Amino acid sequence: MGEVTTGRDTAARGRTTLRPDSEALSGRAARRTAVASATGSIEAEGLHASDASDRDTEAYVKGDVDADTLVARAIARHRQTAERRAG
């Protein structure tokens, strides 16, 4: 389902249960929305994300990397592509 935190469920007579961490889930939803918007923009121009880009954006959505790291990876990837074409 997603990230969870532990908490007390008093209705379950003090048993510890898992429940979604709503802050983490809402952050994930916001990141997913941002990725969908960016993907839609590039696809509207007839472009498509690479497999590496898809992996990086999924890591961003999960919260494994932050936006700065996502952008740095994209820049590095495109710089390498440009250098190969020029070289």
PDB file of N, CA and C in Angstrom:
ATOM      1  N   MET A   1       0.819  -1.190   0.000  1.00  0.00           N
ATOM      2  CA  MET A   1       0.000   0.000   0.000  1.00  0.00           C
ATOM      3  C   MET A   1       0.857   1.246   0.000  1.00  0.00           C
ATOM      4  N   GLY A   2       1.770   1.391   0.863  1.00  0.00           N
ATOM      5  CA  GLY A   2       2.600   2.580   0.941  1.00  0.00           C
ATOM      6  C   GLY A   2       3.310   2.624   2.263  1.00  0.00           C
ATOM      7  N   GLU A   3       3.823   3.801   2.573  1.00  0.00           N
ATOM      8  CA  GLU A   3       4.548   3.954   3.815  1.00  0.00           C
ATOM      9  C   GLU A   3       3.556   3.918   4.972  1.00  0.00           C
ATOM     10  N   VAL A   4       3.951   3.320   6.048  1.00  0.00           N
ATOM     11  CA  VAL A   4       3.077   3.221   7.203  1.00  0.00           C
ATOM     12  C   VAL A   4       3.848   3.551   8.458  1.00  0.00           C
ATOM     13  N   THR A   5       3.099   3.951   9.472  1.00  0.00           N
ATOM     14  CA  THR A   5       3.687   4.165  10.789  1.00  0.00           C
ATOM     15  C   THR A   5       2.906   3.313  11.770  1.00  0.00           C
ATOM     16  N   THR A   6       3.515   3.029  12.890  1.00  0.00           N
ATOM     17  CA  THR A   6       2.796   2.249  13.893  1.00  0.00           C
ATOM     18  C   THR A   6       2.018   3.194  14.787  1.00  0.00           C
ATOM     19  N   GLY A   7       0.945   2.705  15.299  1.00  0.00           N
ATOM     20  CA  GLY A   7       0.129   3.509  16.200  1.00  0.00           C
ATOM     21  C   GLY A   7      -0.759   2.608  17.034  1.00  0.00           C
ATOM     22  N   ARG A   8      -1.344   3.152  18.083  1.00  0.00           N
ATOM     23  CA  ARG A   8      -2.237   2.387  18.944  1.00  0.00           C
ATOM     24  C   ARG A   8      -3.654   2.432  18.402  1.00  0.00           C
ATOM     25  N   ASP A   9      -4.264   1.284  18.306  1.00  0.00           N
ATOM     26  CA  ASP A   9      -5.655   1.185  17.898  1.00  0.00           C
ATOM     27  C   ASP A   9      -6.447   0.847  19.152  1.00  0.00           C
ATOM     28  N   THR A  10      -7.047   1.860  19.761  1.00  0.00           N
ATOM     29  CA  THR A  10      -7.743   1.627  21.031  1.00  0.00           C
ATOM     30  C   THR A  10      -8.950   0.723  20.855  1.00  0.00           C
ATOM     31  N   ALA A  11      -9.587   0.771  19.704  1.00  0.00           N
ATOM     32  CA  ALA A  11     -10.732  -0.108  19.463  1.00  0.00           C
ATOM     33  C   ALA A  11     -10.290  -1.562  19.425  1.00  0.00           C
ATOM     34  N   ALA A  12      -9.030  -1.797  19.129  1.00  0.00           N
ATOM     35  CA  ALA A  12      -8.510  -3.169  19.068  1.00  0.00           C
ATOM     36  C   ALA A  12      -7.878  -3.553  20.402  1.00  0.00           C
ATOM     37  N   ARG A  13      -8.306  -2.913  21.483  1.00  0.00           N
ATOM     38  CA  ARG A  13      -7.864  -3.234  22.849  1.00  0.00           C
ATOM     39  C   ARG A  13      -6.349  -3.123  23.033  1.00  0.00           C
ATOM     40  N   GLY A  14      -5.799  -2.009  22.547  1.00  0.00           N
ATOM     41  CA  GLY A  14      -4.391  -1.743  22.808  1.00  0.00           C
ATOM     42  C   GLY A  14      -3.412  -2.430  21.885  1.00  0.00           C
ATOM     43  N   ARG A  15      -3.902  -3.191  20.923  1.00  0.00           N
ATOM     44  CA  ARG A  15      -2.966  -3.826  19.992  1.00  0.00           C
ATOM     45  C   ARG A  15      -2.322  -2.770  19.114  1.00  0.00           C
ATOM     46  N   THR A  16      -1.054  -2.968  18.777  1.00  0.00           N
ATOM     47  CA  THR A  16      -0.378  -2.068  17.859  1.00  0.00           C
ATOM     48  C   THR A  16      -0.734  -2.471  16.435  1.00  0.00           C
ATOM     49  N   THR A  17      -1.213  -1.501  15.666  1.00  0.00           N
ATOM     50  CA  THR A  17      -1.585  -1.753  14.282  1.00  0.00           C
ATOM     51  C   THR A  17      -0.796  -0.823  13.379  1.00  0.00           C
ATOM     52  N   LEU A  18      -0.841  -1.103  12.101  1.00  0.00           N
ATOM     53  CA  LEU A  18      -0.206  -0.232  11.125  1.00  0.00           C
ATOM     54  C   LEU A  18      -1.272   0.626  10.466  1.00  0.00           C
ATOM     55  N   ARG A  19      -0.947   1.896  10.270  1.00  0.00           N
ATOM     56  CA  ARG A  19      -1.863   2.778   9.550  1.00  0.00           C
ATOM     57  C   ARG A  19      -1.038   3.669   8.631  1.00  0.00           C
ATOM     58  N   PRO A  20      -1.612   4.109   7.535  1.00  0.00           N
ATOM     59  CA  PRO A  20      -0.862   4.944   6.593  1.00  0.00           C
ATOM     60  C   PRO A  20      -0.407   6.240   7.237  1.00  0.00           C
ATOM     61  N   ASP A  21       0.774   6.677   6.905  1.00  0.00           N
ATOM     62  CA  ASP A  21       1.277   7.978   7.327  1.00  0.00           C
ATOM     63  C   ASP A  21       0.750   8.975   6.306  1.00  0.00           C
ATOM     64  N   SER A  22      -0.311   9.681   6.646  1.00  0.00           N
ATOM     65  CA  SER A  22      -1.001  10.533   5.674  1.00  0.00           C
ATOM     66  C   SER A  22      -0.103  11.622   5.115  1.00  0.00           C
ATOM     67  N   GLU A  23       0.819  12.136   5.907  1.00  0.00           N
ATOM     68  CA  GLU A  23       1.731  13.159   5.404  1.00  0.00           C
ATOM     69  C   GLU A  23       2.635  12.588   4.315  1.00  0.00           C
ATOM     70  N   ALA A  24       3.166  11.392   4.532  1.00  0.00           N
ATOM     71  CA  ALA A  24       4.017  10.753   3.527  1.00  0.00           C
ATOM     72  C   ALA A  24       3.220  10.444   2.274  1.00  0.00           C
ATOM     73  N   LEU A  25       1.998   9.976   2.454  1.00  0.00           N
ATOM     74  CA  LEU A  25       1.162   9.649   1.295  1.00  0.00           C
ATOM     75  C   LEU A  25       0.771  10.891   0.516  1.00  0.00           C
ATOM     76  N   SER A  26       0.486  11.997   1.202  1.00  0.00           N
ATOM     77  CA  SER A  26       0.118  13.216   0.485  1.00  0.00           C
ATOM     78  C   SER A  26       1.325  13.787  -0.238  1.00  0.00           C
ATOM     79  N   GLY A  27       2.509  13.656   0.336  1.00  0.00           N
ATOM     80  CA  GLY A  27       3.735  14.079  -0.350  1.00  0.00           C
ATOM     81  C   GLY A  27       3.961  13.248  -1.592  1.00  0.00           C
ATOM     82  N   ARG A  28       3.735  11.958  -1.472  1.00  0.00           N
ATOM     83  CA  ARG A  28       3.885  11.059  -2.616  1.00  0.00           C
ATOM     84  C   ARG A  28       2.884  11.434  -3.710  1.00  0.00           C
ATOM     85  N   ALA A  29       1.656  11.731  -3.321  1.00  0.00           N
ATOM     86  CA  ALA A  29       0.640  12.109  -4.304  1.00  0.00           C
ATOM     87  C   ALA A  29       1.032  13.404  -5.015  1.00  0.00           C
ATOM     88  N   ALA A  30       1.566  14.353  -4.273  1.00  0.00           N
ATOM     89  CA  ALA A  30       2.008  15.614  -4.881  1.00  0.00           C
ATOM     90  C   ALA A  30       3.154  15.372  -5.858  1.00  0.00           C
ATOM     91  N   ARG A  31       4.088  14.504  -5.485  1.00  0.00           N
ATOM     92  CA  ARG A  31       5.210  14.189  -6.394  1.00  0.00           C
ATOM     93  C   ARG A  31       4.703  13.458  -7.631  1.00  0.00           C
ATOM     94  N   ARG A  32       3.754  12.528  -7.455  1.00  0.00           N
ATOM     95  CA  ARG A  32       3.171  11.802  -8.590  1.00  0.00           C
ATOM     96  C   ARG A  32       2.478  12.782  -9.542  1.00  0.00           C
ATOM     97  N   THR A  33       1.749  13.764  -8.994  1.00  0.00           N
ATOM     98  CA  THR A  33       1.071  14.765  -9.808  1.00  0.00           C
ATOM     99  C   THR A  33       2.080  15.605 -10.584  1.00  0.00           C
ATOM    100  N   ALA A  34       3.167  16.000  -9.934  1.00  0.00           N
ATOM    101  CA  ALA A  34       4.201  16.787 -10.607  1.00  0.00           C
ATOM    102  C   ALA A  34       4.832  15.996 -11.753  1.00  0.00           C
ATOM    103  N   VAL A  35       5.109  14.718 -11.513  1.00  0.00           N
ATOM    104  CA  VAL A  35       5.698  13.869 -12.561  1.00  0.00           C
ATOM    105  C   VAL A  35       4.716  13.704 -13.716  1.00  0.00           C
ATOM    106  N   ALA A  36       3.448  13.481 -13.415  1.00  0.00           N
ATOM    107  CA  ALA A  36       2.447  13.327 -14.467  1.00  0.00           C
ATOM    108  C   ALA A  36       2.332  14.593 -15.307  1.00  0.00           C
ATOM    109  N   SER A  37       2.406  15.743 -14.665  1.00  0.00           N
ATOM    110  CA  SER A  37       2.342  17.012 -15.383  1.00  0.00           C
ATOM    111  C   SER A  37       3.549  17.181 -16.305  1.00  0.00           C
ATOM    112  N   ALA A  38       4.727  16.908 -15.787  1.00  0.00           N
ATOM    113  CA  ALA A  38       5.951  17.036 -16.596  1.00  0.00           C
ATOM    114  C   ALA A  38       5.936  16.043 -17.757  1.00  0.00           C
ATOM    115  N   THR A  39       5.524  14.825 -17.477  1.00  0.00           N
ATOM    116  CA  THR A  39       5.450  13.796 -18.525  1.00  0.00           C
ATOM    117  C   THR A  39       4.457  14.204 -19.602  1.00  0.00           C
ATOM    118  N   GLY A  40       3.321  14.719 -19.192  1.00  0.00           N
ATOM    119  CA  GLY A  40       2.325  15.193 -20.155  1.00  0.00           C
ATOM    120  C   GLY A  40       2.856  16.315 -21.023  1.00  0.00           C
ATOM    121  N   SER A  41       3.638  17.199 -20.425  1.00  0.00           N
ATOM    122  CA  SER A  41       4.211  18.315 -21.177  1.00  0.00           C
ATOM    123  C   SER A  41       5.171  17.837 -22.260  1.00  0.00           C
ATOM    124  N   ILE A  42       6.056  16.896 -21.890  1.00  0.00           N
ATOM    125  CA  ILE A  42       7.015  16.450 -22.913  1.00  0.00           C
ATOM    126  C   ILE A  42       6.329  15.607 -23.980  1.00  0.00           C
ATOM    127  N   GLU A  43       5.319  14.838 -23.591  1.00  0.00           N
ATOM    128  CA  GLU A  43       4.593  14.033 -24.571  1.00  0.00           C
ATOM    129  C   GLU A  43       3.770  14.913 -25.508  1.00  0.00           C
ATOM    130  N   ALA A  44       3.282  16.051 -25.030  1.00  0.00           N
ATOM    131  CA  ALA A  44       2.540  16.986 -25.871  1.00  0.00           C
ATOM    132  C   ALA A  44       3.437  17.555 -26.971  1.00  0.00           C
ATOM    133  N   GLU A  45       4.732  17.566 -26.727  1.00  0.00           N
ATOM    134  CA  GLU A  45       5.694  18.040 -27.719  1.00  0.00           C
ATOM    135  C   GLU A  45       6.227  16.908 -28.583  1.00  0.00           C
ATOM    136  N   GLY A  46       5.646  15.719 -28.417  1.00  0.00           N
ATOM    137  CA  GLY A  46       6.059  14.586 -29.237  1.00  0.00           C
ATOM    138  C   GLY A  46       7.300  13.869 -28.735  1.00  0.00           C
ATOM    139  N   LEU A  47       7.694  14.138 -27.511  1.00  0.00           N
ATOM    140  CA  LEU A  47       8.873  13.508 -26.919  1.00  0.00           C
ATOM    141  C   LEU A  47       8.447  12.420 -25.943  1.00  0.00           C
ATOM    142  N   HIS A  48       9.379  11.559 -25.603  1.00  0.00           N
ATOM    143  CA  HIS A  48       9.096  10.495 -24.640  1.00  0.00           C
ATOM    144  C   HIS A  48      10.258  10.376 -23.672  1.00  0.00           C
ATOM    145  N   ALA A  49       9.954  10.082 -22.423  1.00  0.00           N
ATOM    146  CA  ALA A  49      10.983   9.904 -21.400  1.00  0.00           C
ATOM    147  C   ALA A  49      11.730   8.599 -21.641  1.00  0.00           C
ATOM    148  N   SER A  50      13.013   8.603 -21.309  1.00  0.00           N
ATOM    149  CA  SER A  50      13.816   7.385 -21.432  1.00  0.00           C
ATOM    150  C   SER A  50      13.522   6.457 -20.264  1.00  0.00           C
ATOM    151  N   ASP A  51      13.980   5.220 -20.388  1.00  0.00           N
ATOM    152  CA  ASP A  51      13.822   4.269 -19.276  1.00  0.00           C
ATOM    153  C   ASP A  51      14.532   4.777 -18.030  1.00  0.00           C
ATOM    154  N   ALA A  52      15.720   5.364 -18.214  1.00  0.00           N
ATOM    155  CA  ALA A  52      16.468   5.904 -17.066  1.00  0.00           C
ATOM    156  C   ALA A  52      15.690   7.036 -16.404  1.00  0.00           C
ATOM    157  N   SER A  53      15.084   7.872 -17.208  1.00  0.00           N
ATOM    158  CA  SER A  53      14.273   8.961 -16.664  1.00  0.00           C
ATOM    159  C   SER A  53      13.067   8.419 -15.911  1.00  0.00           C
ATOM    160  N   ASP A  54      12.427   7.408 -16.474  1.00  0.00           N
ATOM    161  CA  ASP A  54      11.286   6.789 -15.782  1.00  0.00           C
ATOM    162  C   ASP A  54      11.702   6.208 -14.431  1.00  0.00           C
ATOM    163  N   ARG A  55      12.862   5.575 -14.388  1.00  0.00           N
ATOM    164  CA  ARG A  55      13.351   5.012 -13.108  1.00  0.00           C
ATOM    165  C   ARG A  55      13.610   6.131 -12.100  1.00  0.00           C
ATOM    166  N   ASP A  56      14.224   7.218 -12.574  1.00  0.00           N
ATOM    167  CA  ASP A  56      14.519   8.336 -11.672  1.00  0.00           C
ATOM    168  C   ASP A  56      13.246   8.996 -11.163  1.00  0.00           C
ATOM    169  N   THR A  57      12.265   9.184 -12.042  1.00  0.00           N
ATOM    170  CA  THR A  57      11.038   9.822 -11.575  1.00  0.00           C
ATOM    171  C   THR A  57      10.270   8.921 -10.608  1.00  0.00           C
ATOM    172  N   GLU A  58      10.347   7.621 -10.814  1.00  0.00           N
ATOM    173  CA  GLU A  58       9.689   6.711  -9.865  1.00  0.00           C
ATOM    174  C   GLU A  58      10.390   6.786  -8.502  1.00  0.00           C
ATOM    175  N   ALA A  59      11.717   6.881  -8.501  1.00  0.00           N
ATOM    176  CA  ALA A  59      12.455   7.042  -7.241  1.00  0.00           C
ATOM    177  C   ALA A  59      12.056   8.349  -6.558  1.00  0.00           C
ATOM    178  N   TYR A  60      11.839   9.389  -7.351  1.00  0.00           N
ATOM    179  CA  TYR A  60      11.394  10.679  -6.807  1.00  0.00           C
ATOM    180  C   TYR A  60      10.002  10.547  -6.190  1.00  0.00           C
ATOM    181  N   VAL A  61       9.096   9.913  -6.902  1.00  0.00           N
ATOM    182  CA  VAL A  61       7.730   9.731  -6.386  1.00  0.00           C
ATOM    183  C   VAL A  61       7.757   8.975  -5.067  1.00  0.00           C
ATOM    184  N   LYS A  62       8.579   7.941  -4.981  1.00  0.00           N
ATOM    185  CA  LYS A  62       8.685   7.144  -3.749  1.00  0.00           C
ATOM    186  C   LYS A  62       9.332   7.920  -2.610  1.00  0.00           C
ATOM    187  N   GLY A  63      10.026   9.014  -2.940  1.00  0.00           N
ATOM    188  CA  GLY A  63      10.732   9.781  -1.920  1.00  0.00           C
ATOM    189  C   GLY A  63      12.163   9.318  -1.719  1.00  0.00           C
ATOM    190  N   ASP A  64      12.649   8.458  -2.609  1.00  0.00           N
ATOM    191  CA  ASP A  64      14.022   7.958  -2.496  1.00  0.00           C
ATOM    192  C   ASP A  64      15.052   9.010  -2.907  1.00  0.00           C
ATOM    193  N   VAL A  65      14.669   9.935  -3.781  1.00  0.00           N
ATOM    194  CA  VAL A  65      15.530  11.056  -4.168  1.00  0.00           C
ATOM    195  C   VAL A  65      14.703  12.329  -4.100  1.00  0.00           C
ATOM    196  N   ASP A  66      15.365  13.462  -3.883  1.00  0.00           N
ATOM    197  CA  ASP A  66      14.646  14.733  -3.843  1.00  0.00           C
ATOM    198  C   ASP A  66      14.654  15.377  -5.227  1.00  0.00           C
ATOM    199  N   ALA A  67      13.957  16.493  -5.358  1.00  0.00           N
ATOM    200  CA  ALA A  67      13.821  17.159  -6.659  1.00  0.00           C
ATOM    201  C   ALA A  67      15.176  17.611  -7.195  1.00  0.00           C
ATOM    202  N   ASP A  68      16.053  18.099  -6.330  1.00  0.00           N
ATOM    203  CA  ASP A  68      17.373  18.537  -6.786  1.00  0.00           C
ATOM    204  C   ASP A  68      18.165  17.384  -7.389  1.00  0.00           C
ATOM    205  N   THR A  69      18.095  16.223  -6.769  1.00  0.00           N
ATOM    206  CA  THR A  69      18.799  15.040  -7.283  1.00  0.00           C
ATOM    207  C   THR A  69      18.181  14.594  -8.600  1.00  0.00           C
ATOM    208  N   LEU A  70      16.869  14.632  -8.691  1.00  0.00           N
ATOM    209  CA  LEU A  70      16.185  14.259  -9.927  1.00  0.00           C
ATOM    210  C   LEU A  70      16.650  15.152 -11.080  1.00  0.00           C
ATOM    211  N   VAL A  71      16.681  16.452 -10.848  1.00  0.00           N
ATOM    212  CA  VAL A  71      17.111  17.395 -11.877  1.00  0.00           C
ATOM    213  C   VAL A  71      18.584  17.184 -12.228  1.00  0.00           C
ATOM    214  N   ALA A  72      19.430  16.990 -11.220  1.00  0.00           N
ATOM    215  CA  ALA A  72      20.863  16.780 -11.471  1.00  0.00           C
ATOM    216  C   ALA A  72      21.091  15.533 -12.324  1.00  0.00           C
ATOM    217  N   ARG A  73      20.355  14.480 -12.050  1.00  0.00           N
ATOM    218  CA  ARG A  73      20.490  13.250 -12.843  1.00  0.00           C
ATOM    219  C   ARG A  73      20.068  13.489 -14.289  1.00  0.00           C
ATOM    220  N   ALA A  74      18.975  14.212 -14.469  1.00  0.00           N
ATOM    221  CA  ALA A  74      18.493  14.492 -15.831  1.00  0.00           C
ATOM    222  C   ALA A  74      19.509  15.325 -16.594  1.00  0.00           C
ATOM    223  N   ILE A  75      20.053  16.346 -15.960  1.00  0.00           N
ATOM    224  CA  ILE A  75      21.063  17.187 -16.615  1.00  0.00           C
ATOM    225  C   ILE A  75      22.281  16.368 -16.993  1.00  0.00           C
ATOM    226  N   ALA A  76      22.764  15.540 -16.073  1.00  0.00           N
ATOM    227  CA  ALA A  76      23.935  14.706 -16.349  1.00  0.00           C
ATOM    228  C   ALA A  76      23.657  13.743 -17.502  1.00  0.00           C
ATOM    229  N   ARG A  77      22.487  13.166 -17.517  1.00  0.00           N
ATOM    230  CA  ARG A  77      22.129  12.220 -18.570  1.00  0.00           C
ATOM    231  C   ARG A  77      22.093  12.916 -19.930  1.00  0.00           C
ATOM    232  N   HIS A  78      21.517  14.093 -19.993  1.00  0.00           N
ATOM    233  CA  HIS A  78      21.430  14.818 -21.261  1.00  0.00           C
ATOM    234  C   HIS A  78      22.778  15.376 -21.681  1.00  0.00           C
ATOM    235  N   ARG A  79      23.595  15.740 -20.730  1.00  0.00           N
ATOM    236  CA  ARG A  79      24.946  16.223 -21.046  1.00  0.00           C
ATOM    237  C   ARG A  79      25.756  15.095 -21.687  1.00  0.00           C
ATOM    238  N   GLN A  80      25.650  13.895 -21.135  1.00  0.00           N
ATOM    239  CA  GLN A  80      26.362  12.735 -21.704  1.00  0.00           C
ATOM    240  C   GLN A  80      25.874  12.451 -23.117  1.00  0.00           C
ATOM    241  N   THR A  81      24.583  12.532 -23.339  1.00  0.00           N
ATOM    242  CA  THR A  81      24.026  12.282 -24.666  1.00  0.00           C
ATOM    243  C   THR A  81      24.531  13.309 -25.656  1.00  0.00           C
ATOM    244  N   ALA A  82      24.544  14.572 -25.262  1.00  0.00           N
ATOM    245  CA  ALA A  82      25.022  15.634 -26.143  1.00  0.00           C
ATOM    246  C   ALA A  82      26.506  15.460 -26.464  1.00  0.00           C
ATOM    247  N   GLU A  83      27.283  15.071 -25.463  1.00  0.00           N
ATOM    248  CA  GLU A  83      28.724  14.862 -25.699  1.00  0.00           C
ATOM    249  C   GLU A  83      28.974  13.699 -26.649  1.00  0.00           C
ATOM    250  N   ARG A  84      28.194  12.628 -26.515  1.00  0.00           N
ATOM    251  CA  ARG A  84      28.346  11.488 -27.430  1.00  0.00           C
ATOM    252  C   ARG A  84      28.013  11.899 -28.861  1.00  0.00           C
ATOM    253  N   ARG A  85      26.973  12.671 -29.018  1.00  0.00           N
ATOM    254  CA  ARG A  85      26.578  13.124 -30.366  1.00  0.00           C
ATOM    255  C   ARG A  85      27.622  14.054 -30.969  1.00  0.00           C
ATOM    256  N   ALA A  86      28.223  14.881 -30.142  1.00  0.00           N
ATOM    257  CA  ALA A  86      29.216  15.841 -30.618  1.00  0.00           C
ATOM    258  C   ALA A  86      30.574  15.192 -30.873  1.00  0.00           C
ATOM    259  N   GLY A  87      30.831  14.101 -30.154  1.00  0.00           N
ATOM    260  CA  GLY A  87      32.152  13.479 -30.156  1.00  0.00           C
ATOM    261  C   GLY A  87      32.399  12.604 -31.284  1.00  0.00           C
TER     262      GLY A  87
END
